[in-house]
Amino acid sequence: MSSFEIGASRPVGAVQVNATPPAANPAVAGDTVPATAATSAAPEVATSLATSAGSVPVDQDRVNQIRDAVENGTYPVIPTKIGDAMIAAGVMLRKTT
């Protein structure tokens, strides 16, 4: 198996969080509010649409055919094809890095 090196650590930029400002939070302003009410609102994390994969095309009829074949025990499992696919995936992963 080939060896690989992990590069030096890189700094990560700050995560933008849209949290409630302290003045608008009654628990911080000094009012008596149960601790669970103050912590129940989770902050929102800003995300980018550029990282969205979008919708995935799925052939639901084919998925149902395969699911039925697996449940019935009639799905053909060919070890050599599985092995070849695993080796090919490993080769592809090594080429992209």
PDB file of N, CA and C in Angstrom:
ATOM      1  N   MET A   1       0.854  -1.179   0.000  1.00  0.00           N
ATOM      2  CA  MET A   1       0.000   0.000   0.000  1.00  0.00           C
ATOM      3  C   MET A   1       0.892   1.230   0.000  1.00  0.00           C
ATOM      4  N   SER A   2       0.552   2.229  -0.740  1.00  0.00           N
ATOM      5  CA  SER A   2       1.386   3.425  -0.815  1.00  0.00           C
ATOM      6  C   SER A   2       1.177   4.304   0.407  1.00  0.00           C
ATOM      7  N   SER A   3       2.259   4.989   0.770  1.00  0.00           N
ATOM      8  CA  SER A   3       2.151   5.888   1.921  1.00  0.00           C
ATOM      9  C   SER A   3       1.681   7.255   1.446  1.00  0.00           C
ATOM     10  N   PHE A   4       1.161   8.021   2.353  1.00  0.00           N
ATOM     11  CA  PHE A   4       0.722   9.360   2.020  1.00  0.00           C
ATOM     12  C   PHE A   4       1.051  10.274   3.181  1.00  0.00           C
ATOM     13  N   GLU A   5       1.149  11.549   2.884  1.00  0.00           N
ATOM     14  CA  GLU A   5       1.465  12.531   3.908  1.00  0.00           C
ATOM     15  C   GLU A   5       0.291  13.473   4.083  1.00  0.00           C
ATOM     16  N   ILE A   6       0.107  13.874   5.307  1.00  0.00           N
ATOM     17  CA  ILE A   6      -0.903  14.877   5.602  1.00  0.00           C
ATOM     18  C   ILE A   6      -0.178  16.206   5.688  1.00  0.00           C
ATOM     19  N   GLY A   7      -0.622  17.174   4.932  1.00  0.00           N
ATOM     20  CA  GLY A   7       0.044  18.472   4.896  1.00  0.00           C
ATOM     21  C   GLY A   7      -0.120  19.250   6.187  1.00  0.00           C
ATOM     22  N   ALA A   8       0.535  20.379   6.217  1.00  0.00           N
ATOM     23  CA  ALA A   8       0.466  21.247   7.389  1.00  0.00           C
ATOM     24  C   ALA A   8      -0.961  21.751   7.584  1.00  0.00           C
ATOM     25  N   SER A   9      -1.291  22.046   8.829  1.00  0.00           N
ATOM     26  CA  SER A   9      -2.636  22.532   9.104  1.00  0.00           C
ATOM     27  C   SER A   9      -2.819  23.918   8.502  1.00  0.00           C
ATOM     28  N   ARG A  10      -4.026  24.182   8.080  1.00  0.00           N
ATOM     29  CA  ARG A  10      -4.348  25.477   7.491  1.00  0.00           C
ATOM     30  C   ARG A  10      -5.353  26.178   8.379  1.00  0.00           C
ATOM     31  N   PRO A  11      -5.256  27.493   8.495  1.00  0.00           N
ATOM     32  CA  PRO A  11      -6.239  28.206   9.311  1.00  0.00           C
ATOM     33  C   PRO A  11      -7.611  28.149   8.652  1.00  0.00           C
ATOM     34  N   VAL A  12      -8.621  28.084   9.468  1.00  0.00           N
ATOM     35  CA  VAL A  12      -9.996  28.036   8.997  1.00  0.00           C
ATOM     36  C   VAL A  12     -10.651  29.367   9.329  1.00  0.00           C
ATOM     37  N   GLY A  13     -11.382  29.919   8.382  1.00  0.00           N
ATOM     38  CA  GLY A  13     -12.052  31.198   8.598  1.00  0.00           C
ATOM     39  C   GLY A  13     -13.178  31.080   9.610  1.00  0.00           C
ATOM     40  N   ALA A  14     -13.617  32.195  10.092  1.00  0.00           N
ATOM     41  CA  ALA A  14     -14.680  32.232  11.093  1.00  0.00           C
ATOM     42  C   ALA A  14     -16.011  31.819  10.480  1.00  0.00           C
ATOM     43  N   VAL A  15     -16.845  31.196  11.277  1.00  0.00           N
ATOM     44  CA  VAL A  15     -18.185  30.803  10.860  1.00  0.00           C
ATOM     45  C   VAL A  15     -19.131  31.932  11.220  1.00  0.00           C
ATOM     46  N   GLN A  16     -19.935  32.347  10.254  1.00  0.00           N
ATOM     47  CA  GLN A  16     -20.878  33.423  10.516  1.00  0.00           C
ATOM     48  C   GLN A  16     -22.132  32.840  11.155  1.00  0.00           C
ATOM     49  N   VAL A  17     -22.489  33.365  12.318  1.00  0.00           N
ATOM     50  CA  VAL A  17     -23.653  32.890  13.046  1.00  0.00           C
ATOM     51  C   VAL A  17     -24.583  34.064  13.281  1.00  0.00           C
ATOM     52  N   ASN A  18     -25.859  33.881  12.967  1.00  0.00           N
ATOM     53  CA  ASN A  18     -26.860  34.908  13.219  1.00  0.00           C
ATOM     54  C   ASN A  18     -27.503  34.628  14.571  1.00  0.00           C
ATOM     55  N   ALA A  19     -26.879  35.093  15.630  1.00  0.00           N
ATOM     56  CA  ALA A  19     -27.405  34.869  16.974  1.00  0.00           C
ATOM     57  C   ALA A  19     -28.214  36.076  17.429  1.00  0.00           C
ATOM     58  N   THR A  20     -29.063  35.880  18.422  1.00  0.00           N
ATOM     59  CA  THR A  20     -29.861  36.964  18.974  1.00  0.00           C
ATOM     60  C   THR A  20     -28.943  37.907  19.739  1.00  0.00           C
ATOM     61  N   PRO A  21     -29.022  39.217  19.496  1.00  0.00           N
ATOM     62  CA  PRO A  21     -28.167  40.151  20.229  1.00  0.00           C
ATOM     63  C   PRO A  21     -28.475  40.115  21.725  1.00  0.00           C
ATOM     64  N   PRO A  22     -27.488  40.376  22.599  1.00  0.00           N
ATOM     65  CA  PRO A  22     -27.705  40.295  24.034  1.00  0.00           C
ATOM     66  C   PRO A  22     -28.829  41.194  24.546  1.00  0.00           C
ATOM     67  N   ALA A  23     -29.018  42.378  23.983  1.00  0.00           N
ATOM     68  CA  ALA A  23     -30.057  43.291  24.469  1.00  0.00           C
ATOM     69  C   ALA A  23     -31.452  42.728  24.202  1.00  0.00           C
ATOM     70  N   ALA A  24     -31.624  41.954  23.133  1.00  0.00           N
ATOM     71  CA  ALA A  24     -32.932  41.408  22.803  1.00  0.00           C
ATOM     72  C   ALA A  24     -33.203  40.094  23.521  1.00  0.00           C
ATOM     73  N   ASN A  25     -32.199  39.516  24.154  1.00  0.00           N
ATOM     74  CA  ASN A  25     -32.363  38.255  24.865  1.00  0.00           C
ATOM     75  C   ASN A  25     -32.771  38.555  26.296  1.00  0.00           C
ATOM     76  N   PRO A  26     -33.998  38.204  26.729  1.00  0.00           N
ATOM     77  CA  PRO A  26     -34.478  38.543  28.075  1.00  0.00           C
ATOM     78  C   PRO A  26     -33.628  37.931  29.185  1.00  0.00           C
ATOM     79  N   ALA A  27     -33.031  36.777  28.954  1.00  0.00           N
ATOM     80  CA  ALA A  27     -32.229  36.153  29.999  1.00  0.00           C
ATOM     81  C   ALA A  27     -30.980  36.974  30.295  1.00  0.00           C
ATOM     82  N   VAL A  28     -30.446  37.642  29.273  1.00  0.00           N
ATOM     83  CA  VAL A  28     -29.246  38.452  29.465  1.00  0.00           C
ATOM     84  C   VAL A  28     -29.626  39.830  29.999  1.00  0.00           C
ATOM     85  N   ALA A  29     -30.799  40.317  29.627  1.00  0.00           N
ATOM     86  CA  ALA A  29     -31.217  41.654  30.029  1.00  0.00           C
ATOM     87  C   ALA A  29     -31.572  41.733  31.507  1.00  0.00           C
ATOM     88  N   GLY A  30     -31.682  40.608  32.208  1.00  0.00           N
ATOM     89  CA  GLY A  30     -31.939  40.636  33.636  1.00  0.00           C
ATOM     90  C   GLY A  30     -33.323  40.165  34.027  1.00  0.00           C
ATOM     91  N   ASP A  31     -34.203  39.880  33.088  1.00  0.00           N
ATOM     92  CA  ASP A  31     -35.530  39.367  33.415  1.00  0.00           C
ATOM     93  C   ASP A  31     -35.401  37.922  33.897  1.00  0.00           C
ATOM     94  N   THR A  32     -36.400  37.476  34.642  1.00  0.00           N
ATOM     95  CA  THR A  32     -36.367  36.093  35.109  1.00  0.00           C
ATOM     96  C   THR A  32     -37.047  35.209  34.082  1.00  0.00           C
ATOM     97  N   VAL A  33     -36.250  34.457  33.334  1.00  0.00           N
ATOM     98  CA  VAL A  33     -36.729  33.537  32.313  1.00  0.00           C
ATOM     99  C   VAL A  33     -36.063  32.199  32.594  1.00  0.00           C
ATOM    100  N   PRO A  34     -36.804  31.105  32.523  1.00  0.00           N
ATOM    101  CA  PRO A  34     -36.163  29.808  32.737  1.00  0.00           C
ATOM    102  C   PRO A  34     -34.992  29.600  31.785  1.00  0.00           C
ATOM    103  N   ALA A  35     -33.980  28.891  32.236  1.00  0.00           N
ATOM    104  CA  ALA A  35     -32.781  28.676  31.428  1.00  0.00           C
ATOM    105  C   ALA A  35     -33.094  27.962  30.124  1.00  0.00           C
ATOM    106  N   THR A  36     -34.100  27.089  30.114  1.00  0.00           N
ATOM    107  CA  THR A  36     -34.425  26.358  28.893  1.00  0.00           C
ATOM    108  C   THR A  36     -34.993  27.277  27.824  1.00  0.00           C
ATOM    109  N   ALA A  37     -35.703  28.319  28.218  1.00  0.00           N
ATOM    110  CA  ALA A  37     -36.271  29.245  27.238  1.00  0.00           C
ATOM    111  C   ALA A  37     -35.170  30.051  26.574  1.00  0.00           C
ATOM    112  N   ALA A  38     -34.128  30.382  27.319  1.00  0.00           N
ATOM    113  CA  ALA A  38     -33.045  31.181  26.757  1.00  0.00           C
ATOM    114  C   ALA A  38     -32.181  30.357  25.816  1.00  0.00           C
ATOM    115  N   THR A  39     -32.053  29.058  26.059  1.00  0.00           N
ATOM    116  CA  THR A  39     -31.170  28.235  25.243  1.00  0.00           C
ATOM    117  C   THR A  39     -31.903  27.461  24.161  1.00  0.00           C
ATOM    118  N   SER A  40     -33.230  27.535  24.099  1.00  0.00           N
ATOM    119  CA  SER A  40     -33.975  26.732  23.135  1.00  0.00           C
ATOM    120  C   SER A  40     -33.820  27.247  21.706  1.00  0.00           C
ATOM    121  N   ALA A  41     -33.567  28.532  21.519  1.00  0.00           N
ATOM    122  CA  ALA A  41     -33.412  29.081  20.176  1.00  0.00           C
ATOM    123  C   ALA A  41     -31.981  28.857  19.715  1.00  0.00           C
ATOM    124  N   ALA A  42     -31.794  27.950  18.751  1.00  0.00           N
ATOM    125  CA  ALA A  42     -30.458  27.653  18.239  1.00  0.00           C
ATOM    126  C   ALA A  42     -30.047  28.728  17.248  1.00  0.00           C
ATOM    127  N   PRO A  43     -28.775  29.115  17.240  1.00  0.00           N
ATOM    128  CA  PRO A  43     -28.312  30.113  16.277  1.00  0.00           C
ATOM    129  C   PRO A  43     -28.353  29.529  14.861  1.00  0.00           C
ATOM    130  N   GLU A  44     -28.544  30.389  13.898  1.00  0.00           N
ATOM    131  CA  GLU A  44     -28.588  29.961  12.502  1.00  0.00           C
ATOM    132  C   GLU A  44     -27.217  30.129  11.886  1.00  0.00           C
ATOM    133  N   VAL A  45     -26.788  29.148  11.098  1.00  0.00           N
ATOM    134  CA  VAL A  45     -25.505  29.201  10.429  1.00  0.00           C
ATOM    135  C   VAL A  45     -25.752  29.550   8.975  1.00  0.00           C
ATOM    136  N   ALA A  46     -25.040  30.550   8.489  1.00  0.00           N
ATOM    137  CA  ALA A  46     -25.185  30.966   7.103  1.00  0.00           C
ATOM    138  C   ALA A  46     -24.546  29.922   6.198  1.00  0.00           C
ATOM    139  N   THR A  47     -25.240  29.518   5.147  1.00  0.00           N
ATOM    140  CA  THR A  47     -24.706  28.553   4.197  1.00  0.00           C
ATOM    141  C   THR A  47     -24.693  29.166   2.810  1.00  0.00           C
ATOM    142  N   SER A  48     -23.892  28.600   1.958  1.00  0.00           N
ATOM    143  CA  SER A  48     -23.765  29.093   0.598  1.00  0.00           C
ATOM    144  C   SER A  48     -24.498  28.166  -0.359  1.00  0.00           C
ATOM    145  N   LEU A  49     -25.187  28.721  -1.315  1.00  0.00           N
ATOM    146  CA  LEU A  49     -25.860  27.908  -2.320  1.00  0.00           C
ATOM    147  C   LEU A  49     -24.852  27.300  -3.294  1.00  0.00           C
ATOM    148  N   ALA A  50     -23.624  27.828  -3.322  1.00  0.00           N
ATOM    149  CA  ALA A  50     -22.601  27.303  -4.209  1.00  0.00           C
ATOM    150  C   ALA A  50     -22.207  25.884  -3.822  1.00  0.00           C
ATOM    151  N   THR A  51     -22.384  25.499  -2.570  1.00  0.00           N
ATOM    152  CA  THR A  51     -22.016  24.155  -2.134  1.00  0.00           C
ATOM    153  C   THR A  51     -23.170  23.174  -2.247  1.00  0.00           C
ATOM    154  N   SER A  52     -24.323  23.646  -2.655  1.00  0.00           N
ATOM    155  CA  SER A  52     -25.491  22.771  -2.776  1.00  0.00           C
ATOM    156  C   SER A  52     -25.326  21.846  -3.974  1.00  0.00           C
ATOM    157  N   ALA A  53     -25.592  20.561  -3.770  1.00  0.00           N
ATOM    158  CA  ALA A  53     -25.476  19.597  -4.856  1.00  0.00           C
ATOM    159  C   ALA A  53     -26.672  19.653  -5.796  1.00  0.00           C
ATOM    160  N   GLY A  54     -27.732  20.285  -5.363  1.00  0.00           N
ATOM    161  CA  GLY A  54     -28.930  20.352  -6.186  1.00  0.00           C
ATOM    162  C   GLY A  54     -29.729  19.061  -6.093  1.00  0.00           C
ATOM    163  N   SER A  55     -30.664  18.892  -6.978  1.00  0.00           N
ATOM    164  CA  SER A  55     -31.486  17.691  -6.950  1.00  0.00           C
ATOM    165  C   SER A  55     -30.746  16.541  -7.626  1.00  0.00           C
ATOM    166  N   VAL A  56     -30.958  15.348  -7.125  1.00  0.00           N
ATOM    167  CA  VAL A  56     -30.293  14.166  -7.649  1.00  0.00           C
ATOM    168  C   VAL A  56     -31.283  13.393  -8.509  1.00  0.00           C
ATOM    169  N   PRO A  57     -30.907  13.083  -9.758  1.00  0.00           N
ATOM    170  CA  PRO A  57     -31.822  12.309 -10.599  1.00  0.00           C
ATOM    171  C   PRO A  57     -31.861  10.856 -10.126  1.00  0.00           C
ATOM    172  N   VAL A  58     -33.043  10.379  -9.779  1.00  0.00           N
ATOM    173  CA  VAL A  58     -33.211   9.012  -9.285  1.00  0.00           C
ATOM    174  C   VAL A  58     -34.275   8.324 -10.128  1.00  0.00           C
ATOM    175  N   ASP A  59     -33.924   7.147 -10.651  1.00  0.00           N
ATOM    176  CA  ASP A  59     -34.881   6.333 -11.397  1.00  0.00           C
ATOM    177  C   ASP A  59     -35.594   5.449 -10.379  1.00  0.00           C
ATOM    178  N   GLN A  60     -36.710   5.918  -9.868  1.00  0.00           N
ATOM    179  CA  GLN A  60     -37.419   5.224  -8.792  1.00  0.00           C
ATOM    180  C   GLN A  60     -37.882   3.832  -9.208  1.00  0.00           C
ATOM    181  N   ASP A  61     -38.228   3.644 -10.486  1.00  0.00           N
ATOM    182  CA  ASP A  61     -38.626   2.310 -10.953  1.00  0.00           C
ATOM    183  C   ASP A  61     -37.466   1.326 -10.821  1.00  0.00           C
ATOM    184  N   ARG A  62     -36.261   1.761 -11.209  1.00  0.00           N
ATOM    185  CA  ARG A  62     -35.085   0.892 -11.109  1.00  0.00           C
ATOM    186  C   ARG A  62     -34.750   0.608  -9.640  1.00  0.00           C
ATOM    187  N   VAL A  63     -34.882   1.608  -8.789  1.00  0.00           N
ATOM    188  CA  VAL A  63     -34.640   1.420  -7.357  1.00  0.00           C
ATOM    189  C   VAL A  63     -35.592   0.374  -6.804  1.00  0.00           C
ATOM    190  N   ASN A  64     -36.860   0.443  -7.191  1.00  0.00           N
ATOM    191  CA  ASN A  64     -37.852  -0.530  -6.724  1.00  0.00           C
ATOM    192  C   ASN A  64     -37.549  -1.941  -7.236  1.00  0.00           C
ATOM    193  N   GLN A  65     -37.084  -2.053  -8.502  1.00  0.00           N
ATOM    194  CA  GLN A  65     -36.720  -3.357  -9.054  1.00  0.00           C
ATOM    195  C   GLN A  65     -35.570  -3.975  -8.258  1.00  0.00           C
ATOM    196  N   ILE A  66     -34.545  -3.186  -7.974  1.00  0.00           N
ATOM    197  CA  ILE A  66     -33.394  -3.694  -7.220  1.00  0.00           C
ATOM    198  C   ILE A  66     -33.806  -4.053  -5.802  1.00  0.00           C
ATOM    199  N   ARG A  67     -34.608  -3.203  -5.177  1.00  0.00           N
ATOM    200  CA  ARG A  67     -35.071  -3.477  -3.807  1.00  0.00           C
ATOM    201  C   ARG A  67     -35.856  -4.794  -3.753  1.00  0.00           C
ATOM    202  N   ASP A  68     -36.742  -5.009  -4.729  1.00  0.00           N
ATOM    203  CA  ASP A  68     -37.516  -6.243  -4.767  1.00  0.00           C
ATOM    204  C   ASP A  68     -36.607  -7.462  -4.967  1.00  0.00           C
ATOM    205  N   ALA A  69     -35.616  -7.336  -5.857  1.00  0.00           N
ATOM    206  CA  ALA A  69     -34.699  -8.448  -6.115  1.00  0.00           C
ATOM    207  C   ALA A  69     -33.878  -8.787  -4.875  1.00  0.00           C
ATOM    208  N   VAL A  70     -33.450  -7.772  -4.125  1.00  0.00           N
ATOM    209  CA  VAL A  70     -32.692  -8.022  -2.897  1.00  0.00           C
ATOM    210  C   VAL A  70     -33.583  -8.705  -1.866  1.00  0.00           C
ATOM    211  N   GLU A  71     -34.809  -8.238  -1.719  1.00  0.00           N
ATOM    212  CA  GLU A  71     -35.730  -8.835  -0.747  1.00  0.00           C
ATOM    213  C   GLU A  71     -36.077 -10.282  -1.118  1.00  0.00           C
ATOM    214  N   ASN A  72     -36.192 -10.574  -2.417  1.00  0.00           N
ATOM    215  CA  ASN A  72     -36.535 -11.925  -2.866  1.00  0.00           C
ATOM    216  C   ASN A  72     -35.326 -12.852  -2.914  1.00  0.00           C
ATOM    217  N   GLY A  73     -34.134 -12.292  -2.810  1.00  0.00           N
ATOM    218  CA  GLY A  73     -32.927 -13.109  -2.901  1.00  0.00           C
ATOM    219  C   GLY A  73     -32.530 -13.433  -4.318  1.00  0.00           C
ATOM    220  N   THR A  74     -33.041 -12.676  -5.293  1.00  0.00           N
ATOM    221  CA  THR A  74     -32.723 -12.938  -6.693  1.00  0.00           C
ATOM    222  C   THR A  74     -31.756 -11.916  -7.288  1.00  0.00           C
ATOM    223  N   TYR A  75     -31.229 -11.002  -6.470  1.00  0.00           N
ATOM    224  CA  TYR A  75     -30.282 -10.001  -6.983  1.00  0.00           C
ATOM    225  C   TYR A  75     -28.933 -10.674  -7.193  1.00  0.00           C
ATOM    226  N   PRO A  76     -28.382 -10.591  -8.405  1.00  0.00           N
ATOM    227  CA  PRO A  76     -27.116 -11.289  -8.682  1.00  0.00           C
ATOM    228  C   PRO A  76     -25.928 -10.561  -8.028  1.00  0.00           C
ATOM    229  N   VAL A  77     -25.209 -11.283  -7.177  1.00  0.00           N
ATOM    230  CA  VAL A  77     -24.009 -10.731  -6.549  1.00  0.00           C
ATOM    231  C   VAL A  77     -22.820 -11.439  -7.180  1.00  0.00           C
ATOM    232  N   ILE A  78     -22.004 -10.688  -7.911  1.00  0.00           N
ATOM    233  CA  ILE A  78     -20.842 -11.253  -8.597  1.00  0.00           C
ATOM    234  C   ILE A  78     -19.597 -10.675  -7.936  1.00  0.00           C
ATOM    235  N   PRO A  79     -18.904 -11.482  -7.133  1.00  0.00           N
ATOM    236  CA  PRO A  79     -17.759 -10.970  -6.370  1.00  0.00           C
ATOM    237  C   PRO A  79     -16.681 -10.308  -7.221  1.00  0.00           C
ATOM    238  N   THR A  80     -16.434 -10.812  -8.415  1.00  0.00           N
ATOM    239  CA  THR A  80     -15.381 -10.212  -9.248  1.00  0.00           C
ATOM    240  C   THR A  80     -15.752  -8.800  -9.682  1.00  0.00           C
ATOM    241  N   LYS A  81     -17.024  -8.571  -9.986  1.00  0.00           N
ATOM    242  CA  LYS A  81     -17.460  -7.214 -10.357  1.00  0.00           C
ATOM    243  C   LYS A  81     -17.353  -6.267  -9.166  1.00  0.00           C
ATOM    244  N   ILE A  82     -17.712  -6.759  -7.978  1.00  0.00           N
ATOM    245  CA  ILE A  82     -17.623  -5.929  -6.774  1.00  0.00           C
ATOM    246  C   ILE A  82     -16.166  -5.576  -6.504  1.00  0.00           C
ATOM    247  N   GLY A  83     -15.278  -6.566  -6.605  1.00  0.00           N
ATOM    248  CA  GLY A  83     -13.849  -6.323  -6.395  1.00  0.00           C
ATOM    249  C   GLY A  83     -13.281  -5.340  -7.398  1.00  0.00           C
ATOM    250  N   ASP A  84     -13.631  -5.511  -8.669  1.00  0.00           N
ATOM    251  CA  ASP A  84     -13.150  -4.588  -9.702  1.00  0.00           C
ATOM    252  C   ASP A  84     -13.616  -3.157  -9.438  1.00  0.00           C
ATOM    253  N   ALA A  85     -14.861  -3.007  -9.011  1.00  0.00           N
ATOM    254  CA  ALA A  85     -15.390  -1.670  -8.723  1.00  0.00           C
ATOM    255  C   ALA A  85     -14.681  -1.040  -7.533  1.00  0.00           C
ATOM    256  N   MET A  86     -14.360  -1.859  -6.522  1.00  0.00           N
ATOM    257  CA  MET A  86     -13.649  -1.332  -5.351  1.00  0.00           C
ATOM    258  C   MET A  86     -12.236  -0.886  -5.725  1.00  0.00           C
ATOM    259  N   ILE A  87     -11.551  -1.667  -6.556  1.00  0.00           N
ATOM    260  CA  ILE A  87     -10.206  -1.301  -6.997  1.00  0.00           C
ATOM    261  C   ILE A  87     -10.261  -0.035  -7.847  1.00  0.00           C
ATOM    262  N   ALA A  88     -11.222   0.047  -8.755  1.00  0.00           N
ATOM    263  CA  ALA A  88     -11.357   1.227  -9.610  1.00  0.00           C
ATOM    264  C   ALA A  88     -11.634   2.470  -8.778  1.00  0.00           C
ATOM    265  N   ALA A  89     -12.472   2.342  -7.740  1.00  0.00           N
ATOM    266  CA  ALA A  89     -12.769   3.492  -6.879  1.00  0.00           C
ATOM    267  C   ALA A  89     -11.514   3.935  -6.150  1.00  0.00           C
ATOM    268  N   GLY A  90     -10.710   2.985  -5.681  1.00  0.00           N
ATOM    269  CA  GLY A  90      -9.473   3.327  -5.007  1.00  0.00           C
ATOM    270  C   GLY A  90      -8.501   4.050  -5.927  1.00  0.00           C
ATOM    271  N   VAL A  91      -8.422   3.606  -7.170  1.00  0.00           N
ATOM    272  CA  VAL A  91      -7.533   4.246  -8.154  1.00  0.00           C
ATOM    273  C   VAL A  91      -8.018   5.672  -8.432  1.00  0.00           C
ATOM    274  N   MET A  92      -9.325   5.843  -8.570  1.00  0.00           N
ATOM    275  CA  MET A  92      -9.873   7.180  -8.828  1.00  0.00           C
ATOM    276  C   MET A  92      -9.612   8.116  -7.651  1.00  0.00           C
ATOM    277  N   LEU A  93      -9.741   7.617  -6.430  1.00  0.00           N
ATOM    278  CA  LEU A  93      -9.506   8.451  -5.261  1.00  0.00           C
ATOM    279  C   LEU A  93      -8.044   8.883  -5.178  1.00  0.00           C
ATOM    280  N   ARG A  94      -7.129   8.013  -5.540  1.00  0.00           N
ATOM    281  CA  ARG A  94      -5.711   8.372  -5.494  1.00  0.00           C
ATOM    282  C   ARG A  94      -5.357   9.393  -6.568  1.00  0.00           C
ATOM    283  N   LYS A  95      -6.036   9.377  -7.702  1.00  0.00           N
ATOM    284  CA  LYS A  95      -5.729  10.313  -8.790  1.00  0.00           C
ATOM    285  C   LYS A  95      -6.199  11.728  -8.469  1.00  0.00           C
ATOM    286  N   THR A  96      -7.248  11.888  -7.681  1.00  0.00           N
ATOM    287  CA  THR A  96      -7.802  13.221  -7.413  1.00  0.00           C
ATOM    288  C   THR A  96      -7.014  13.962  -6.342  1.00  0.00           C
ATOM    289  N   THR A  97      -6.169  13.286  -5.584  1.00  0.00           N
ATOM    290  CA  THR A  97      -5.426  13.981  -4.528  1.00  0.00           C
ATOM    291  C   THR A  97      -4.058  14.382  -4.963  1.00  0.00           C
TER     292      THR A  97
END
